[in-house]
């Protein structure tokens, strides 16, 4: 009982430490990325993903169908690297595709791109240029076991 009292006291004190921050709001508006920027970001992220997940001959990637410029550019970049990309959800019985989720957001005038599979998540920020986009940060890699 004596060990539980400090736990409950600590939990009661910490429950009052929540603050509201108007700067941390979620934005449900999709970010629109132009063709050259989408192609530059997708090409870079696809090459970095290839470094992490390995051989394109043995890997099938499953993405949700999306007609945005970035999704189309990402699908094309993955195919250029030799991956089979499934967007219609039709998977053969002998296939075990790697689920790929992606996101792209604007923050402080830069684009933040993220690719996530069950085993690895990649993230990087990009600065928009006249020619498209170029990396503005090191690649962030988070591996899961």
Protein backbone atom coordinates (compact mmCIF):
# COMPACT_ATOMS: atom_id res chain seq x y z
CA UNK A 1 0.00 0.00 0.00
CA UNK A 2 2.86 2.38 0.82
CA UNK A 3 4.29 1.89 -2.67
CA UNK A 4 0.98 2.72 -4.35
CA UNK A 5 0.47 6.01 -2.50
CA UNK A 6 3.43 7.81 -4.19
CA UNK A 7 2.32 6.45 -7.56
CA UNK A 8 -1.22 7.81 -7.21
CA UNK A 9 0.05 11.10 -5.79
CA UNK A 10 2.46 11.50 -8.75
CA UNK A 11 -0.28 10.63 -11.25
CA UNK A 12 -2.65 13.15 -9.65
CA UNK A 13 -0.04 15.91 -9.79
CA UNK A 14 0.97 15.16 -13.39
CA UNK A 15 -2.63 15.05 -14.60
CA UNK A 16 -2.85 18.78 -13.96
CA UNK A 17 0.22 19.53 -16.09
CA UNK A 18 -1.56 19.60 -19.43
CA UNK A 19 -1.42 22.82 -21.39
CA UNK A 20 -3.24 23.91 -24.50
CA UNK A 21 -1.00 25.14 -27.30
CA UNK A 22 -2.70 26.85 -30.20
CA UNK A 23 0.41 26.38 -32.36
CA UNK A 24 -0.01 22.60 -32.37
CA UNK A 25 -3.14 22.10 -34.39
CA UNK A 26 -3.84 19.47 -36.98
CA UNK A 27 -4.38 20.54 -40.54
CA UNK A 28 -6.60 18.34 -42.67
CA UNK A 29 -5.97 20.34 -45.84
CA UNK A 30 -3.84 18.34 -48.28
CA UNK A 31 -0.57 19.93 -49.37
CA UNK A 32 -0.33 20.52 -53.11
CA UNK A 33 3.11 19.93 -54.57
CA UNK A 34 3.94 21.02 -58.13
CA UNK A 35 5.14 18.50 -60.73
CA UNK A 36 8.89 19.31 -60.64
CA UNK A 37 8.99 19.47 -56.83
CA UNK A 38 6.93 16.28 -56.52
CA UNK A 39 9.25 14.46 -58.92
CA UNK A 40 12.41 15.66 -57.14
CA UNK A 41 11.13 14.69 -53.69
CA UNK A 42 9.69 11.37 -54.84
CA UNK A 43 12.91 10.45 -56.66
CA UNK A 44 15.06 11.19 -53.62
CA UNK A 45 12.77 9.42 -51.17
CA UNK A 46 12.41 6.36 -53.44
CA UNK A 47 16.20 6.03 -53.72
CA UNK A 48 16.57 6.29 -49.94
CA UNK A 49 13.83 3.71 -49.42
CA UNK A 50 15.58 1.36 -51.85
CA UNK A 51 18.72 1.64 -49.71
CA UNK A 52 16.74 0.56 -46.65
CA UNK A 53 14.43 -2.21 -47.91
CA UNK A 54 16.74 -3.91 -50.39
CA UNK A 55 16.28 -5.70 -53.67
CA UNK A 56 13.59 -4.45 -55.98
CA UNK A 57 13.26 -7.81 -57.77
CA UNK A 58 11.97 -9.55 -54.66
CA UNK A 59 9.89 -6.69 -53.23
CA UNK A 60 6.36 -5.66 -54.10
CA UNK A 61 5.13 -2.39 -52.63
CA UNK A 62 1.48 -1.72 -51.82
CA UNK A 63 0.30 1.90 -51.74
CA UNK A 64 -3.17 3.40 -51.44
CA UNK A 65 -4.52 4.78 -54.71
CA UNK A 66 -4.07 8.55 -54.89
CA UNK A 67 -4.09 10.85 -57.90
CA UNK A 68 -2.08 13.68 -56.35
CA UNK A 69 1.07 14.74 -58.20
CA UNK A 70 3.29 13.51 -55.39
CA UNK A 71 1.63 10.06 -55.21
CA UNK A 72 1.90 9.64 -58.97
CA UNK A 73 5.55 10.76 -58.92
CA UNK A 74 6.34 8.43 -56.00
CA UNK A 75 4.76 5.46 -57.76
CA UNK A 76 6.75 6.26 -60.94
CA UNK A 77 10.00 6.67 -58.98
CA UNK A 78 9.52 3.33 -57.23
CA UNK A 79 8.85 1.65 -60.58
CA UNK A 80 12.03 3.25 -61.97
CA UNK A 81 13.91 1.54 -59.14
CA UNK A 82 12.41 -1.76 -60.31
CA UNK A 83 9.75 -2.27 -57.66
CA UNK A 84 6.36 -3.71 -58.48
CA UNK A 85 3.83 -1.22 -57.13
CA UNK A 86 0.26 -2.24 -56.34
CA UNK A 87 -2.28 0.55 -55.92
CA UNK A 88 -5.52 -1.29 -56.68
CA UNK A 89 -5.32 -3.68 -53.73
CA UNK A 90 -5.25 -6.80 -55.92
CA UNK A 91 -2.59 -9.02 -54.44
CA UNK A 92 -1.73 -12.48 -55.74
CA UNK A 93 -1.75 -15.30 -53.20
CA UNK A 94 2.01 -15.78 -53.44
CA UNK A 95 2.79 -12.06 -53.00
CA UNK A 96 3.63 -10.52 -49.64
CA UNK A 97 3.79 -6.80 -50.40
CA UNK A 98 5.41 -4.20 -48.21
CA UNK A 99 2.77 -1.69 -47.08
CA UNK A 100 3.93 1.86 -47.82
CA UNK A 101 2.37 4.94 -46.28
CA UNK A 102 3.50 8.43 -47.20
CA UNK A 103 2.83 11.97 -46.17
CA UNK A 104 3.95 15.42 -47.23
CA UNK A 105 3.34 18.55 -45.17
CA UNK A 106 4.38 22.19 -45.16
CA UNK A 107 6.17 23.64 -42.16
CA UNK A 108 8.14 26.89 -41.91
CA UNK A 109 8.28 27.30 -45.69
CA UNK A 110 9.65 23.82 -46.30
CA UNK A 111 8.07 20.52 -47.29
CA UNK A 112 8.38 17.61 -44.89
CA UNK A 113 8.22 14.22 -46.65
CA UNK A 114 7.80 10.88 -44.89
CA UNK A 115 7.69 7.27 -46.13
CA UNK A 116 6.76 4.50 -43.72
CA UNK A 117 6.79 0.71 -43.95
CA UNK A 118 6.26 -1.74 -41.09
CA UNK A 119 10.05 -1.97 -40.63
CA UNK A 120 11.40 1.49 -41.47
CA UNK A 121 10.27 5.12 -41.55
CA UNK A 122 12.15 7.77 -43.51
CA UNK A 123 11.73 11.52 -43.18
CA UNK A 124 13.36 14.57 -44.70
CA UNK A 125 12.60 18.24 -45.24
CA UNK A 126 12.94 19.90 -48.63
CA UNK A 127 13.35 23.49 -49.73
CA UNK A 128 11.42 24.54 -52.82
CA UNK A 129 13.58 25.84 -55.67
CA UNK A 130 12.93 27.10 -59.19
CA UNK A 131 13.86 23.66 -60.54
CA UNK A 132 11.70 21.78 -58.03
CA UNK A 133 13.01 20.89 -54.58
CA UNK A 134 16.25 19.98 -52.87
CA UNK A 135 16.99 18.34 -49.51
CA UNK A 136 17.16 20.84 -46.66
CA UNK A 137 17.91 18.36 -43.86
CA UNK A 138 19.68 15.07 -43.32
CA UNK A 139 17.66 11.92 -43.88
CA UNK A 140 15.95 10.66 -40.73
CA UNK A 141 15.77 6.85 -40.51
CA UNK A 142 13.82 4.99 -37.86
CA UNK A 143 14.10 1.20 -37.98
CA UNK A 144 11.74 -1.14 -36.15
CA UNK A 145 12.42 -4.73 -35.15
